[in-house]
Protein backbone atom coordinates (compact mmCIF):
# COMPACT_ATOMS: atom_id res chain seq x y z
CA MET A 1 70.35 -170.66 -61.78
CA ALA A 2 73.48 -169.38 -60.08
CA ARG A 3 73.26 -168.65 -56.37
CA SER A 4 74.00 -165.01 -57.11
CA GLY A 5 71.06 -164.78 -59.50
CA ILE A 6 68.63 -163.53 -56.88
CA PHE A 7 71.14 -160.89 -55.73
CA VAL A 8 71.47 -159.61 -59.31
CA PHE A 9 67.70 -159.53 -59.67
CA LEU A 10 66.99 -157.78 -56.37
CA SER A 11 69.78 -155.23 -56.73
CA GLY A 12 68.52 -154.34 -60.19
CA ARG A 13 64.95 -153.93 -58.98
CA LEU A 14 65.99 -151.78 -56.03
CA LEU A 15 68.24 -149.51 -58.09
CA SER A 16 65.66 -149.03 -60.83
CA LEU A 17 62.88 -148.34 -58.34
CA VAL A 18 64.96 -145.75 -56.49
CA LEU A 19 65.58 -144.00 -59.81
CA LEU A 20 61.92 -144.23 -60.83
CA MET A 21 60.85 -142.79 -57.48
CA ALA A 22 63.28 -139.92 -57.98
CA PHE A 23 61.72 -139.43 -61.42
CA GLN A 24 58.23 -139.23 -59.89
CA LEU A 25 59.38 -136.64 -57.35
CA VAL A 26 60.86 -134.51 -60.14
CA VAL A 27 57.64 -134.78 -62.16
CA VAL A 28 55.26 -133.92 -59.30
CA ARG A 29 57.20 -130.73 -58.54
CA LEU A 30 57.77 -129.83 -62.19
CA LEU A 31 54.25 -130.03 -63.63
CA ALA A 32 51.19 -127.99 -62.77
CA PRO A 33 48.22 -130.00 -61.40
CA VAL A 34 46.48 -130.12 -64.82
CA GLU A 35 49.58 -131.47 -66.60
CA TYR A 36 50.39 -133.85 -63.74
CA GLY A 37 46.84 -135.18 -63.99
CA ARG A 38 47.31 -135.78 -67.73
CA PHE A 39 50.57 -137.58 -67.04
CA ALA A 40 48.85 -139.76 -64.41
CA ILE A 41 46.05 -140.63 -66.85
CA VAL A 42 48.57 -141.98 -69.37
CA PHE A 43 50.09 -144.22 -66.71
CA ALA A 44 46.60 -145.52 -65.90
CA PHE A 45 45.91 -146.29 -69.56
CA ALA A 46 49.29 -148.02 -69.87
CA VAL A 47 48.28 -150.40 -67.08
CA LEU A 48 44.87 -150.81 -68.76
CA MET A 49 46.53 -151.99 -71.97
CA GLN A 50 48.80 -154.36 -70.06
CA THR A 51 45.84 -155.90 -68.22
CA VAL A 52 42.67 -155.70 -70.29
CA LEU A 53 44.61 -156.80 -73.38
CA SER A 54 46.87 -159.24 -71.53
CA PHE A 55 45.06 -162.36 -72.82
CA GLY A 56 46.79 -164.39 -70.14
CA VAL A 57 50.29 -163.43 -71.32
CA PRO A 58 51.69 -162.80 -67.78
CA ARG A 59 50.80 -166.41 -66.91
CA LEU A 60 52.04 -167.85 -70.21
CA ILE A 61 55.52 -166.28 -70.16
CA PRO A 62 56.88 -167.98 -66.99
CA LYS A 63 55.09 -171.22 -67.88
CA TYR A 64 56.40 -171.62 -71.46
CA VAL A 65 59.30 -169.25 -72.12
CA GLY A 66 61.06 -170.70 -69.07
CA GLN A 67 60.91 -174.17 -70.69
CA ALA A 68 63.16 -173.16 -73.60
CA GLY A 69 65.96 -175.70 -73.99
CA TRP A 70 64.25 -178.04 -71.55
CA THR A 71 60.85 -179.28 -72.76
CA LEU A 72 60.40 -176.81 -75.63
CA ARG A 73 62.70 -176.20 -78.59
CA PRO A 74 64.33 -172.73 -78.61
CA ALA A 75 62.90 -172.13 -82.08
CA THR A 76 59.39 -172.79 -80.75
CA VAL A 77 59.91 -170.36 -77.87
CA GLY A 78 61.35 -167.77 -80.28
CA ARG A 79 58.24 -167.93 -82.45
CA LEU A 80 56.06 -167.74 -79.34
CA ILE A 81 57.88 -164.60 -78.14
CA ALA A 82 57.46 -162.91 -81.53
CA ALA A 83 53.77 -163.86 -81.67
CA ILE A 84 53.09 -162.56 -78.15
CA LEU A 85 54.72 -159.18 -78.80
CA ALA A 86 53.12 -158.72 -82.23
CA PHE A 87 49.67 -159.66 -80.96
CA ARG A 88 49.85 -157.48 -77.86
CA LEU A 89 51.11 -154.41 -79.72
CA LEU A 90 48.58 -154.76 -82.55
CA ALA A 91 45.69 -155.25 -80.12
CA SER A 92 46.80 -152.23 -78.09
CA MET A 93 47.12 -150.02 -81.17
CA LEU A 94 43.69 -150.98 -82.50
CA THR A 95 42.08 -150.51 -79.09
CA MET A 96 43.56 -147.05 -78.54
CA THR A 97 42.60 -145.93 -82.04
CA ALA A 98 39.04 -147.16 -81.56
CA ALA A 99 38.82 -145.51 -78.12
CA LEU A 100 39.91 -142.14 -79.54
CA ALA A 101 37.44 -142.41 -82.41
CA ILE A 102 34.56 -143.33 -80.09
CA GLY A 103 35.48 -140.59 -77.63
CA ALA A 104 35.53 -137.97 -80.38
CA ALA A 105 32.27 -139.23 -81.93
CA TRP A 106 30.41 -139.21 -78.61
CA GLY A 107 31.79 -135.84 -77.54
CA TRP A 108 33.95 -137.14 -74.68
CA ILE A 109 37.10 -135.74 -76.31
CA GLY A 110 36.94 -132.36 -78.04
CA PRO A 111 39.33 -131.32 -80.86
CA GLY A 112 41.35 -129.06 -78.57
CA ASP A 113 41.06 -131.01 -75.31
CA LEU A 114 44.31 -132.93 -75.56
CA GLY A 115 46.35 -131.86 -78.58
CA MET A 116 48.12 -134.06 -81.10
CA PRO A 117 51.57 -134.06 -79.35
CA TYR A 118 49.97 -135.34 -76.16
CA VAL A 119 47.83 -137.98 -77.91
CA ALA A 120 50.70 -139.23 -80.06
CA GLY A 121 53.11 -139.25 -77.12
CA ALA A 122 50.60 -141.10 -74.96
CA MET A 123 49.97 -143.78 -77.58
CA ALA A 124 53.69 -144.29 -78.24
CA TYR A 125 54.48 -144.46 -74.53
CA ILE A 126 51.72 -146.99 -73.85
CA LEU A 127 52.80 -149.28 -76.70
CA VAL A 128 56.45 -149.25 -75.63
CA SER A 129 55.45 -149.82 -71.98
CA VAL A 130 53.54 -152.96 -72.96
CA ALA A 131 56.56 -154.27 -74.85
CA GLN A 132 58.92 -153.37 -71.99
CA VAL A 133 56.93 -155.30 -69.38
CA ASP A 134 56.68 -158.39 -71.60
CA THR A 135 60.33 -158.46 -72.68
CA ASP A 136 61.53 -158.06 -69.09
CA ALA A 137 59.34 -161.00 -67.99
CA MET A 138 60.70 -163.07 -70.89
CA ALA A 139 64.29 -162.27 -69.95
CA LEU A 140 63.66 -163.30 -66.33
CA ALA A 141 61.98 -166.53 -67.44
CA LEU A 142 65.14 -167.37 -69.42
CA GLY A 143 67.38 -166.63 -66.43
CA LEU A 144 68.78 -163.38 -67.85
CA GLN A 145 68.84 -161.52 -64.54
CA GLN A 146 71.95 -159.53 -65.48
CA ALA A 147 70.40 -158.34 -68.74
CA SER A 148 67.16 -157.41 -66.97
CA ARG A 149 69.06 -155.39 -64.36
CA SER A 150 71.13 -153.57 -66.98
CA ALA A 151 68.05 -152.66 -69.02
CA LEU A 152 65.95 -151.52 -66.05
CA VAL A 153 68.63 -149.51 -64.28
CA GLY A 154 70.08 -148.07 -67.49
CA GLU A 155 66.69 -146.95 -68.79
CA ALA A 156 65.67 -145.36 -65.49
CA LEU A 157 69.01 -143.58 -65.09
CA VAL A 158 69.06 -142.20 -68.64
CA ARG A 159 65.43 -141.05 -68.41
CA LEU A 160 66.02 -139.28 -65.09
CA ALA A 161 69.17 -137.61 -66.43
CA LEU A 162 67.47 -136.43 -69.64
CA ILE A 163 64.43 -135.05 -67.83
CA SER A 164 66.52 -133.33 -65.17
CA ALA A 165 68.69 -131.70 -67.83
CA ALA A 166 65.67 -130.63 -69.88
CA ALA A 167 63.96 -129.22 -66.78
CA ALA A 168 67.08 -127.26 -65.84
CA ALA A 169 67.12 -125.78 -69.34
CA GLY A 170 63.44 -124.82 -69.06
CA TRP A 171 62.30 -127.11 -71.88
CA ILE A 172 59.65 -129.05 -69.93
CA SER A 173 56.27 -127.61 -69.06
CA THR A 174 53.86 -130.21 -70.47
CA ALA A 175 53.22 -133.92 -70.00
CA SER A 176 53.79 -134.67 -73.70
CA THR A 177 57.51 -133.81 -73.48
CA LEU A 178 57.96 -136.23 -70.60
CA LEU A 179 56.08 -138.93 -72.49
CA TRP A 180 58.30 -138.67 -75.56
CA ILE A 181 61.47 -138.85 -73.46
CA GLY A 182 60.13 -141.91 -71.63
CA THR A 183 59.15 -143.54 -74.93
CA ALA A 184 62.65 -143.15 -76.36
CA THR A 185 64.46 -144.57 -73.32
CA ALA A 186 62.02 -147.47 -72.87
CA LEU A 187 62.29 -148.39 -76.57
CA ALA A 188 66.07 -148.57 -76.28
CA ALA A 189 65.72 -150.89 -73.26
CA VAL A 190 63.29 -153.15 -75.16
CA CYS A 191 65.67 -153.47 -78.12
CA LEU A 192 68.60 -154.36 -75.86
CA LEU A 193 66.58 -157.02 -74.04
CA LEU A 194 65.36 -158.56 -77.29
CA LEU A 195 68.94 -158.86 -78.51
CA ARG A 196 69.94 -160.64 -75.28
CA ILE A 197 66.93 -162.95 -75.48
CA ARG A 198 67.79 -163.83 -79.08
CA GLY A 199 71.39 -164.56 -78.09
CA ALA A 200 70.30 -166.78 -75.19
CA LEU A 201 68.00 -168.85 -77.41
CA ARG A 202 70.78 -169.33 -79.97
CA THR A 203 73.12 -170.82 -77.36
CA MET A 204 70.61 -173.52 -76.38
CA PRO A 205 70.59 -176.99 -78.00
CA PRO A 206 68.23 -176.85 -80.98
CA GLN A 207 66.60 -180.18 -80.10
CA PRO A 208 66.58 -180.87 -76.32
CA GLU A 209 66.29 -184.52 -75.26
CA GLN A 210 63.03 -183.94 -73.37
CA ALA A 211 61.51 -181.64 -76.00
CA ARG A 212 57.83 -182.08 -76.76
CA PRO A 213 55.32 -180.18 -78.89
CA LEU A 214 53.53 -177.23 -77.38
CA ASP A 215 50.36 -178.42 -75.65
CA ARG A 216 47.89 -176.06 -77.30
CA GLU A 217 44.93 -177.14 -75.18
CA GLU A 218 46.84 -176.46 -71.96
CA PHE A 219 48.13 -173.21 -73.47
CA ARG A 220 44.60 -171.98 -74.20
CA ALA A 221 43.30 -173.04 -70.77
CA ILE A 222 46.04 -171.16 -68.90
CA ALA A 223 45.59 -168.11 -71.14
CA ALA A 224 41.82 -168.05 -70.58
CA SER A 225 41.97 -168.48 -66.80
CA GLY A 226 44.83 -165.99 -66.49
CA TYR A 227 42.90 -163.47 -68.56
CA ALA A 228 39.79 -163.81 -66.41
CA SER A 229 41.87 -163.34 -63.29
CA ALA A 230 43.64 -160.31 -64.79
CA LEU A 231 40.29 -158.72 -65.59
CA ALA A 232 39.12 -159.41 -62.04
CA TRP A 233 42.20 -157.68 -60.63
CA PHE A 234 41.87 -154.81 -63.08
CA ALA A 235 38.25 -154.02 -62.19
CA SER A 236 39.31 -152.37 -58.94
CA SER A 237 43.00 -151.81 -59.68
CA PRO A 238 44.69 -148.45 -59.03
CA ALA A 239 44.53 -147.74 -62.77
CA THR A 240 40.75 -148.23 -62.99
CA ILE A 241 40.09 -146.29 -59.80
CA ARG A 242 42.28 -143.49 -61.15
CA LEU A 243 40.18 -143.34 -64.33
CA VAL A 244 36.97 -143.22 -62.26
CA ALA A 245 38.49 -140.47 -60.11
CA SER A 246 39.37 -138.42 -63.20
CA ARG A 247 35.66 -138.13 -64.02
CA THR A 248 34.51 -137.12 -60.52
CA LEU A 249 37.26 -135.30 -58.57
CA SER A 250 38.43 -131.74 -59.08
CA VAL A 251 41.75 -131.13 -60.86
CA ALA A 252 43.72 -130.57 -57.64
CA ALA A 253 42.03 -133.46 -55.80
CA PHE A 254 42.67 -135.82 -58.73
CA ALA A 255 46.33 -134.81 -58.92
CA GLY A 256 46.73 -135.42 -55.18
CA PHE A 257 44.97 -138.77 -55.35
CA SER A 258 47.14 -139.82 -58.30
CA PHE A 259 50.29 -138.95 -56.38
CA ILE A 260 49.43 -140.94 -53.25
CA GLN A 261 48.48 -143.86 -55.51
CA THR A 262 51.87 -143.64 -57.18
CA LEU A 263 53.59 -143.43 -53.80
CA ALA A 264 51.74 -146.47 -52.43
CA VAL A 265 52.34 -148.62 -55.51
CA SER A 266 56.02 -147.61 -55.52
CA PHE A 267 56.30 -148.71 -51.90
CA GLN A 268 54.72 -152.06 -52.75
CA ARG A 269 57.42 -152.62 -55.34
CA TYR A 270 60.05 -152.12 -52.62
CA THR A 271 58.63 -154.78 -50.30
CA PRO A 272 60.64 -158.01 -50.09
CA GLY A 273 57.73 -160.18 -51.19
CA MET A 274 57.08 -158.24 -54.39
CA LEU A 275 60.79 -157.97 -55.13
CA VAL A 276 61.34 -161.69 -54.67
CA PHE A 277 58.17 -162.99 -56.31
CA PRO A 278 59.00 -162.31 -59.99
CA PHE A 279 62.27 -164.15 -59.38
CA VAL A 280 60.66 -167.04 -57.48
CA GLU A 281 57.67 -167.47 -59.79
CA PRO A 282 59.42 -169.11 -62.79
CA ALA A 283 61.54 -171.32 -60.50
CA VAL A 284 58.52 -172.50 -58.51
CA MET A 285 56.57 -173.23 -61.68
CA ARG A 286 59.45 -175.21 -63.18
CA HIS A 287 60.07 -177.14 -59.95
CA PHE A 288 56.45 -178.19 -59.61
CA SER A 289 56.09 -179.18 -63.28
CA ARG A 290 59.21 -181.39 -63.00
CA THR A 291 58.72 -182.97 -59.57
CA GLY A 292 55.08 -182.51 -58.54
CA ASP A 293 56.30 -181.39 -55.09
CA GLN A 294 53.47 -179.33 -53.58
CA SER A 295 55.22 -178.53 -50.28
CA ARG A 296 57.58 -176.02 -51.90
CA LEU A 297 54.62 -174.16 -53.38
CA GLU A 298 52.98 -173.87 -49.97
CA ALA A 299 56.17 -172.87 -48.14
CA THR A 300 57.15 -170.23 -50.70
CA LEU A 301 53.64 -168.81 -50.73
CA ALA A 302 53.59 -168.55 -46.93
CA LEU A 303 56.97 -166.81 -46.88
CA VAL A 304 56.10 -164.19 -49.50
CA ILE A 305 52.75 -163.40 -47.87
CA LYS A 306 54.20 -163.16 -44.36
CA ILE A 307 57.00 -160.81 -45.37
CA ASP A 308 54.65 -158.49 -47.22
CA LEU A 309 52.15 -158.50 -44.35
CA ILE A 310 54.85 -157.45 -41.90
CA VAL A 311 56.54 -154.80 -44.06
CA ILE A 312 53.35 -153.21 -45.43
CA GLY A 313 51.80 -153.37 -41.95
CA ALA A 314 54.69 -151.28 -40.64
CA ALA A 315 54.14 -148.82 -43.50
CA ILE A 316 50.45 -148.52 -42.56
CA VAL A 317 51.44 -147.55 -39.02
CA GLY A 318 54.00 -145.02 -40.26
CA THR A 319 51.73 -143.35 -42.84
CA ALA A 320 48.75 -143.24 -40.48
CA ILE A 321 50.88 -141.12 -38.14
CA ALA A 322 53.08 -139.13 -40.53
CA GLY A 323 51.29 -139.35 -43.90
CA GLU A 324 50.74 -135.60 -44.22
CA SER A 325 54.38 -134.84 -43.44
CA ILE A 326 55.59 -137.44 -45.95
CA VAL A 327 53.42 -136.12 -48.78
CA GLY A 328 54.24 -132.50 -47.97
CA LEU A 329 57.96 -133.21 -47.96
CA MET A 330 57.85 -135.06 -51.29
CA THR A 331 55.61 -132.63 -53.16
CA GLY A 332 56.89 -129.35 -51.76
CA GLY A 333 53.68 -128.77 -49.82
CA ARG A 334 51.27 -129.84 -52.58
CA TYR A 335 48.50 -132.43 -52.22
CA VAL A 336 48.77 -132.79 -48.42
CA ALA A 337 44.97 -133.07 -48.18
CA ALA A 338 45.05 -136.46 -49.94
CA ALA A 339 47.53 -138.00 -47.47
CA TYR A 340 44.86 -139.61 -45.28
CA GLY A 341 44.25 -142.13 -48.07
CA LEU A 342 47.74 -143.68 -47.82
CA PRO A 343 46.93 -146.31 -45.13
CA TRP A 344 43.87 -147.45 -47.10
CA LEU A 345 45.85 -147.78 -50.31
CA LEU A 346 48.47 -149.82 -48.45
CA ALA A 347 45.74 -152.07 -47.01
CA TYR A 348 44.55 -152.68 -50.57
CA LEU A 349 48.10 -153.51 -51.63
CA ILE A 350 48.46 -156.13 -48.88
CA THR A 351 45.41 -158.03 -50.04
CA THR A 352 46.06 -157.74 -53.76
CA SER A 353 49.70 -158.80 -53.30
CA THR A 354 48.54 -161.89 -51.41
CA TYR A 355 45.94 -162.60 -54.09
CA ARG A 356 48.59 -162.47 -56.81
CA ALA A 357 50.67 -165.06 -54.95
CA PHE A 358 47.59 -167.29 -54.59
CA GLU A 359 46.90 -166.92 -58.30
CA ILE A 360 50.35 -168.22 -59.29
CA VAL A 361 49.93 -171.33 -57.16
CA ALA A 362 46.42 -171.91 -58.51
CA VAL A 363 47.81 -171.94 -62.06
CA ALA A 364 50.59 -174.35 -61.06
CA LEU A 365 48.04 -176.73 -59.49
CA ASN A 366 45.58 -176.36 -62.40
CA ALA A 367 42.98 -175.06 -59.92
CA THR A 368 42.04 -172.30 -62.35
CA ALA A 369 38.25 -172.64 -62.42
CA VAL A 370 37.94 -170.23 -59.49
CA LEU A 371 39.78 -167.45 -61.33
CA GLY A 372 36.79 -166.72 -63.53
CA LYS A 373 34.46 -166.52 -60.52
CA THR A 374 36.44 -163.68 -59.00
CA LEU A 375 35.62 -161.53 -62.03
CA VAL A 376 31.94 -161.35 -60.99
CA LEU A 377 32.90 -160.06 -57.55
CA SER A 378 35.18 -157.41 -59.01
CA LEU A 379 32.55 -156.17 -61.45
CA LEU A 380 30.11 -155.72 -58.56
CA TRP A 381 32.66 -153.73 -56.55
CA ILE A 382 33.70 -151.45 -59.41
CA GLY A 383 30.00 -150.84 -60.09
CA ALA A 384 29.61 -149.81 -56.46
CA ALA A 385 32.61 -147.47 -56.76
CA ILE A 386 31.15 -145.79 -59.86
CA LEU A 387 27.76 -145.34 -58.19
CA LEU A 388 29.07 -144.13 -54.82
CA THR A 389 31.93 -141.85 -55.91
CA PRO A 390 29.76 -138.88 -56.99
CA ARG A 391 28.27 -138.80 -53.47
CA TYR A 392 31.13 -139.96 -51.24
CA GLY A 393 34.15 -138.98 -53.33
CA LEU A 394 37.54 -140.21 -52.20
CA ILE A 395 36.06 -142.37 -49.42
CA ALA A 396 34.37 -144.63 -51.98
CA LEU A 397 37.51 -144.71 -54.14
CA LEU A 398 39.50 -145.97 -51.15
CA ALA A 399 36.98 -148.38 -49.59
CA CYS A 400 35.63 -150.23 -52.66
CA PRO A 401 39.01 -151.58 -53.87
CA VAL A 402 39.77 -152.89 -50.36
CA GLY A 403 36.39 -154.64 -50.23
CA ASP A 404 36.94 -156.16 -53.66
CA SER A 405 40.42 -157.48 -52.97
CA VAL A 406 39.38 -158.97 -49.60
CA SER A 407 36.41 -160.79 -51.16
CA ARG A 408 38.53 -162.18 -54.02
CA LEU A 409 41.19 -163.26 -51.56
CA ALA A 410 38.63 -165.15 -49.46
CA VAL A 411 37.35 -167.04 -52.52
CA MET A 412 40.89 -167.91 -53.65
CA HIS A 413 41.89 -169.05 -50.15
CA TRP A 414 38.90 -171.40 -50.10
CA ALA A 415 39.74 -172.79 -53.55
CA LEU A 416 43.38 -173.50 -52.67
CA GLY A 417 42.32 -175.12 -49.41
CA ARG A 418 40.37 -177.68 -51.43
CA VAL A 419 43.58 -178.80 -53.18
CA GLY A 420 45.68 -178.98 -50.01
CA ILE A 421 47.22 -175.46 -49.79
CA ARG A 422 46.05 -174.25 -46.37
CA ARG A 423 48.86 -172.90 -44.16
CA THR A 424 49.61 -169.71 -46.07
CA VAL A 425 48.23 -166.67 -44.23
CA ASP A 426 49.52 -165.79 -40.75
CA LEU A 427 46.24 -164.94 -39.00
CA PRO A 428 47.74 -163.19 -35.90
CA VAL A 429 49.74 -160.83 -38.11
CA THR A 430 46.70 -160.17 -40.29
CA ALA A 431 44.49 -159.49 -37.26
CA SER A 432 47.04 -157.07 -35.78
CA ILE A 433 47.18 -155.09 -39.02
CA ALA A 434 43.38 -154.91 -39.24
CA LEU A 435 43.19 -153.68 -35.63
CA LEU A 436 45.83 -151.01 -36.25
CA MET A 437 43.95 -149.85 -39.34
CA LEU A 438 40.80 -149.33 -37.28
CA LEU A 439 42.67 -147.50 -34.51
CA LEU A 440 45.06 -145.33 -36.51
CA ALA A 441 43.63 -144.66 -39.99
CA GLY A 442 42.46 -141.08 -40.00
CA GLY A 443 43.14 -140.64 -36.29
CA GLY A 444 46.92 -140.54 -36.42
CA ALA A 445 47.11 -137.28 -38.35
CA VAL A 446 44.43 -135.72 -36.11
CA LEU A 447 46.51 -136.63 -33.06
CA ILE A 448 49.66 -135.13 -34.59
CA ARG A 449 47.87 -131.83 -35.28
CA ALA A 450 46.27 -131.80 -31.82
CA VAL A 451 49.57 -132.06 -29.95
CA GLY A 452 51.26 -129.57 -32.28
CA ILE A 453 54.17 -131.72 -33.45
CA GLY A 454 55.86 -130.31 -36.56
CA ALA A 455 56.81 -132.23 -39.69
CA PRO A 456 60.20 -133.49 -38.38
CA GLY A 457 58.60 -134.75 -35.18
CA ALA A 458 55.77 -136.42 -37.09
CA LEU A 459 58.24 -138.17 -39.39
CA ALA A 460 60.26 -139.38 -36.40
CA LEU A 461 57.13 -140.58 -34.60
CA GLY A 462 55.85 -142.36 -37.71
CA SER A 463 59.20 -144.08 -38.24
CA ALA A 464 59.29 -145.11 -34.59
CA GLY A 465 55.76 -146.51 -34.77
CA GLY A 466 56.54 -148.59 -37.84
CA THR A 467 59.79 -149.85 -36.29
CA VAL A 468 58.05 -150.87 -33.05
CA PHE A 469 55.45 -152.77 -35.07
CA LEU A 470 58.21 -154.60 -36.96
CA LEU A 471 60.01 -155.55 -33.75
CA LEU A 472 56.87 -156.78 -32.01
CA ILE A 473 55.86 -158.93 -34.97
CA ALA A 474 59.41 -160.23 -35.42
CA LEU A 475 59.49 -161.32 -31.78
CA GLY A 476 55.96 -162.69 -31.67
CA ARG A 477 55.79 -164.32 -35.13
CA PRO A 478 59.38 -165.04 -36.25
CA LEU A 479 60.28 -166.63 -39.57
CA ARG A 480 60.58 -170.42 -39.47
CA MET A 481 63.11 -172.58 -41.27
CA GLY A 482 60.32 -174.41 -43.06
CA GLU A 483 59.21 -171.11 -44.60
CA VAL A 484 62.62 -170.03 -45.89
CA ALA A 485 64.09 -173.44 -46.80
CA PRO A 486 62.83 -173.37 -50.43
CA MET A 487 64.64 -170.06 -50.98
CA LEU A 488 68.03 -170.97 -49.48
CA PRO A 489 69.52 -172.80 -52.51
CA ALA A 490 69.01 -169.73 -54.72
CA LEU A 491 70.35 -167.13 -52.29
CA PRO A 492 73.90 -165.76 -52.30
CA GLY A 493 76.12 -167.22 -49.56
CA PHE A 494 75.97 -164.17 -47.28
CA ALA A 495 72.16 -163.87 -47.49
CA SER A 496 71.76 -167.60 -46.94
CA ARG A 497 73.93 -167.54 -43.80
CA LEU A 498 72.11 -164.43 -42.51
CA LEU A 499 68.72 -166.09 -42.88
CA ARG A 500 69.93 -169.19 -41.07
CA LEU A 501 70.94 -166.97 -38.13
CA ILE A 502 67.63 -165.09 -37.78
CA VAL A 503 65.08 -167.83 -38.45
CA ARG A 504 63.92 -170.36 -35.90
CA ASP A 505 63.72 -174.11 -36.42
């Protein structure tokens, strides 16, 4: 991997996410609450298809596709890629068809509830979204950072331009139109990535010196454990909670809840840990499989977790103070009542982001037995959410996912400790975030209203609070060279020199 590879990857992610956030802001202002709610439901079902029907694919892609030309023949990897895409798309199509048939038969979906353009657009969008996520992961596993960036940024830019032009012409008033535009642009990105993947496989030696047959027993074990873990995450994921909310909240409340969910998840994608992890994951897996060096796993895990704790912790402080002003500014005054949920959603994202990092290391160390156990915990928590939501509403929808992710994280931390991975979570940083949550969540907005500070003042105060938190943590718990050393060889020269200046030995 070239030293500039991580720069290409991160710049592509940042550009595409800025464009996708702009797209969300256009959509939330363009659609009425009913149509925005329909649009949000499709996004939730797209994540459902990617997770419930994942069958361990997100764990298999970095493990096996990344070995093309090294320990696996390119032809073998090519057949594996085709089989993964065909299986995932067929399973998704059959599942959606069966769900529609069951919903109609049981009276959950009436003939005129959705309309054929919406149903067809939703199904097409979900299928293409599944393919887009998988092909992007395959491209990254093969080291095609440039191709991934071009596809992501190009698709997001074209989609935003088409929707903005159509909105200016007055052609968009329903969710189905947006879905068809998104389907077309995502399909083009998938086709371009598949062509680049095919070209990369063709340039590899057909019979590498260290090539070996695919270990089918190991393949099935990783798929099974990864699937169980994916189901455990999905049980209380934003997508599942959104589907539960759609059955219990009013139209306006559901639209507001969907927007703050989208805002929180979008912020998580901007954090350094989440931006770096898809790039680091294949490299860490390859390094461990070749050398057996466990120290790099532990150091990389500690770095990713610490960065996300600090950055998301600052966001919790900022949104606890200025959440209402942020939501009001982004939505044109809509959905401000849902803003108090932002700090709780960010707290959930901290724990689930850390859990995902733990999961990758557990797979690398073959400590996968614990992944199935977390599913039981998640099923209990989602059951609690379903039972409590009719009585407690949004409070249950915010609290139950946090409880689930914390309990799964505790189990995973214990399991990794048994195989020697212990120094991963910075406890002082974690404790400071928990204390701030108790002090500020819900009270920050009340304080802002009590002192009569307007939206600009609240935004300034929220930004200042988050910045002060960052500075205090940076001074009290600075990055150490042992934490960043595994990343330095892959960083561009400027970033590598900058890190060496700010970290402590």
